[in-house]
C-alpha cells in the first residue's frame, strides 16, 4: 500500500456532510476494507489556530479556540474506499 502524496487535500467546513477524496492509495494486489483513524492529524480553526498531532481514533475530536472563545470540533469521522479505474 502506497500513499500518493501529491493527492493529499484538505477537508474544509464547506465540505461538511459530504464525502471528499483527501488521499489516494496505490493498492496493487491489495483490497483495503477498513481504516483506523489515529494521531498525527492537523486541524486549523477559523481564527487560523493550528492544532497539531490530533488523535481522532474514536472518530471525534474536540478542542477550544481561545481567540474565538469557541469549541473546535470534529464528530463522527468516517471513511470509504472508492475503487479507481
C-alpha atoms as a PDB file:
ATOM      1  CA  UNK A   1       0.000   0.000   0.000  1.00  0.00           C
ATOM      2  CA  UNK A   2       1.471   3.349  -1.019  1.00  0.00           C
ATOM      3  CA  UNK A   3       0.116   6.827  -0.381  1.00  0.00           C
ATOM      4  CA  UNK A   4       0.214   9.021  -3.469  1.00  0.00           C
ATOM      5  CA  UNK A   5       1.337  12.122  -1.582  1.00  0.00           C
ATOM      6  CA  UNK A   6       0.516  14.647  -4.298  1.00  0.00           C
ATOM      7  CA  UNK A   7      -3.176  13.683  -3.979  1.00  0.00           C
ATOM      8  CA  UNK A   8      -3.419  14.867  -0.341  1.00  0.00           C
ATOM      9  CA  UNK A   9      -6.041  17.592   0.024  1.00  0.00           C
ATOM     10  CA  UNK A  10      -7.881  19.486   2.741  1.00  0.00           C
ATOM     11  CA  UNK A  11     -11.340  18.780   4.084  1.00  0.00           C
ATOM     12  CA  UNK A  12     -12.903  22.125   4.981  1.00  0.00           C
ATOM     13  CA  UNK A  13     -16.060  23.392   6.646  1.00  0.00           C
ATOM     14  CA  UNK A  14     -17.552  23.791   3.149  1.00  0.00           C
ATOM     15  CA  UNK A  15     -17.093  20.031   2.607  1.00  0.00           C
ATOM     16  CA  UNK A  16     -19.010  19.186   5.777  1.00  0.00           C
ATOM     17  CA  UNK A  17     -21.631  16.436   5.471  1.00  0.00           C
ATOM     18  CA  UNK A  18     -20.113  15.235   2.153  1.00  0.00           C
ATOM     19  CA  UNK A  19     -17.578  12.593   1.296  1.00  0.00           C
ATOM     20  CA  UNK A  20     -14.493  14.034  -0.396  1.00  0.00           C
ATOM     21  CA  UNK A  21     -11.296  12.402  -1.608  1.00  0.00           C
ATOM     22  CA  UNK A  22      -8.469  13.582   0.646  1.00  0.00           C
ATOM     23  CA  UNK A  23      -5.875  10.964  -0.318  1.00  0.00           C
ATOM     24  CA  UNK A  24      -5.338   8.303  -2.981  1.00  0.00           C
ATOM     25  CA  UNK A  25      -3.611   4.972  -2.339  1.00  0.00           C
ATOM     26  CA  UNK A  26      -1.843   2.645  -4.769  1.00  0.00           C
ATOM     27  CA  UNK A  27      -3.166  -0.744  -3.656  1.00  0.00           C
ATOM     28  CA  UNK A  28      -1.685  -3.142  -6.213  1.00  0.00           C
ATOM     29  CA  UNK A  29      -2.531  -6.642  -5.052  1.00  0.00           C
ATOM     30  CA  UNK A  30      -4.441  -5.381  -2.012  1.00  0.00           C
ATOM     31  CA  UNK A  31      -8.036  -4.529  -1.267  1.00  0.00           C
ATOM     32  CA  UNK A  32      -8.436  -2.184   1.730  1.00  0.00           C
ATOM     33  CA  UNK A  33     -11.544  -2.872   3.784  1.00  0.00           C
ATOM     34  CA  UNK A  34     -11.232  -0.636   6.843  1.00  0.00           C
ATOM     35  CA  UNK A  35      -9.416   2.433   8.121  1.00  0.00           C
ATOM     36  CA  UNK A  36      -8.321   3.317  11.641  1.00  0.00           C
ATOM     37  CA  UNK A  37      -8.018   6.997  12.453  1.00  0.00           C
ATOM     38  CA  UNK A  38      -5.253   7.634  14.949  1.00  0.00           C
ATOM     39  CA  UNK A  39      -2.982  10.510  15.857  1.00  0.00           C
ATOM     40  CA  UNK A  40      -0.982  12.775  13.590  1.00  0.00           C
ATOM     41  CA  UNK A  41      -3.867  14.820  12.185  1.00  0.00           C
ATOM     42  CA  UNK A  42      -3.707  18.617  11.983  1.00  0.00           C
ATOM     43  CA  UNK A  43      -6.654  20.990  12.135  1.00  0.00           C
ATOM     44  CA  UNK A  44      -6.861  24.737  11.514  1.00  0.00           C
ATOM     45  CA  UNK A  45      -9.658  26.745  13.123  1.00  0.00           C
ATOM     46  CA  UNK A  46     -11.419  29.743  11.587  1.00  0.00           C
ATOM     47  CA  UNK A  47      -9.058  32.014  13.561  1.00  0.00           C
ATOM     48  CA  UNK A  48      -6.136  30.204  11.850  1.00  0.00           C
ATOM     49  CA  UNK A  49      -5.039  28.491  15.061  1.00  0.00           C
ATOM     50  CA  UNK A  50      -3.349  25.203  14.176  1.00  0.00           C
ATOM     51  CA  UNK A  51      -3.910  22.113  16.319  1.00  0.00           C
ATOM     52  CA  UNK A  52      -1.130  19.576  15.673  1.00  0.00           C
ATOM     53  CA  UNK A  53      -0.873  15.818  16.204  1.00  0.00           C
ATOM     54  CA  UNK A  54      -4.573  15.395  16.993  1.00  0.00           C
ATOM     55  CA  UNK A  55      -5.852  11.931  17.866  1.00  0.00           C
ATOM     56  CA  UNK A  56      -9.176  11.007  16.268  1.00  0.00           C
ATOM     57  CA  UNK A  57      -9.094   7.244  16.863  1.00  0.00           C
ATOM     58  CA  UNK A  58     -12.700   7.308  18.083  1.00  0.00           C
ATOM     59  CA  UNK A  59     -13.848   9.439  15.132  1.00  0.00           C
ATOM     60  CA  UNK A  60     -14.361  12.504  17.329  1.00  0.00           C
ATOM     61  CA  UNK A  61     -12.094  15.349  18.405  1.00  0.00           C
ATOM     62  CA  UNK A  62     -12.737  18.490  20.489  1.00  0.00           C
ATOM     63  CA  UNK A  63     -10.501  21.427  21.449  1.00  0.00           C
ATOM     64  CA  UNK A  64     -11.065  25.054  22.329  1.00  0.00           C
ATOM     65  CA  UNK A  65     -10.024  28.116  20.313  1.00  0.00           C
ATOM     66  CA  UNK A  66      -9.148  30.810  22.865  1.00  0.00           C
ATOM     67  CA  UNK A  67      -9.167  33.580  20.258  1.00  0.00           C
ATOM     68  CA  UNK A  68     -12.700  32.784  19.072  1.00  0.00           C
ATOM     69  CA  UNK A  69     -13.804  31.594  22.507  1.00  0.00           C
ATOM     70  CA  UNK A  70     -15.480  28.653  20.782  1.00  0.00           C
ATOM     71  CA  UNK A  71     -15.010  24.893  20.654  1.00  0.00           C
ATOM     72  CA  UNK A  72     -13.387  23.403  17.568  1.00  0.00           C
ATOM     73  CA  UNK A  73     -14.921  20.008  16.884  1.00  0.00           C
ATOM     74  CA  UNK A  74     -14.898  17.021  14.585  1.00  0.00           C
ATOM     75  CA  UNK A  75     -17.645  14.462  15.072  1.00  0.00           C
ATOM     76  CA  UNK A  76     -18.381  11.084  13.542  1.00  0.00           C
ATOM     77  CA  UNK A  77     -15.366  10.922  11.179  1.00  0.00           C
ATOM     78  CA  UNK A  78     -15.969   8.264   8.548  1.00  0.00           C
ATOM     79  CA  UNK A  79     -14.107   6.961   5.538  1.00  0.00           C
ATOM     80  CA  UNK A  80     -14.893   4.909   2.497  1.00  0.00           C
ATOM     81  CA  UNK A  81     -12.760   3.378  -0.207  1.00  0.00           C
ATOM     82  CA  UNK A  82     -13.603   4.017  -3.842  1.00  0.00           C
ATOM     83  CA  UNK A  83     -12.006   1.781  -6.438  1.00  0.00           C
ATOM     84  CA  UNK A  84     -10.360   3.735  -9.245  1.00  0.00           C
ATOM     85  CA  UNK A  85     -10.201   2.733 -12.863  1.00  0.00           C
END
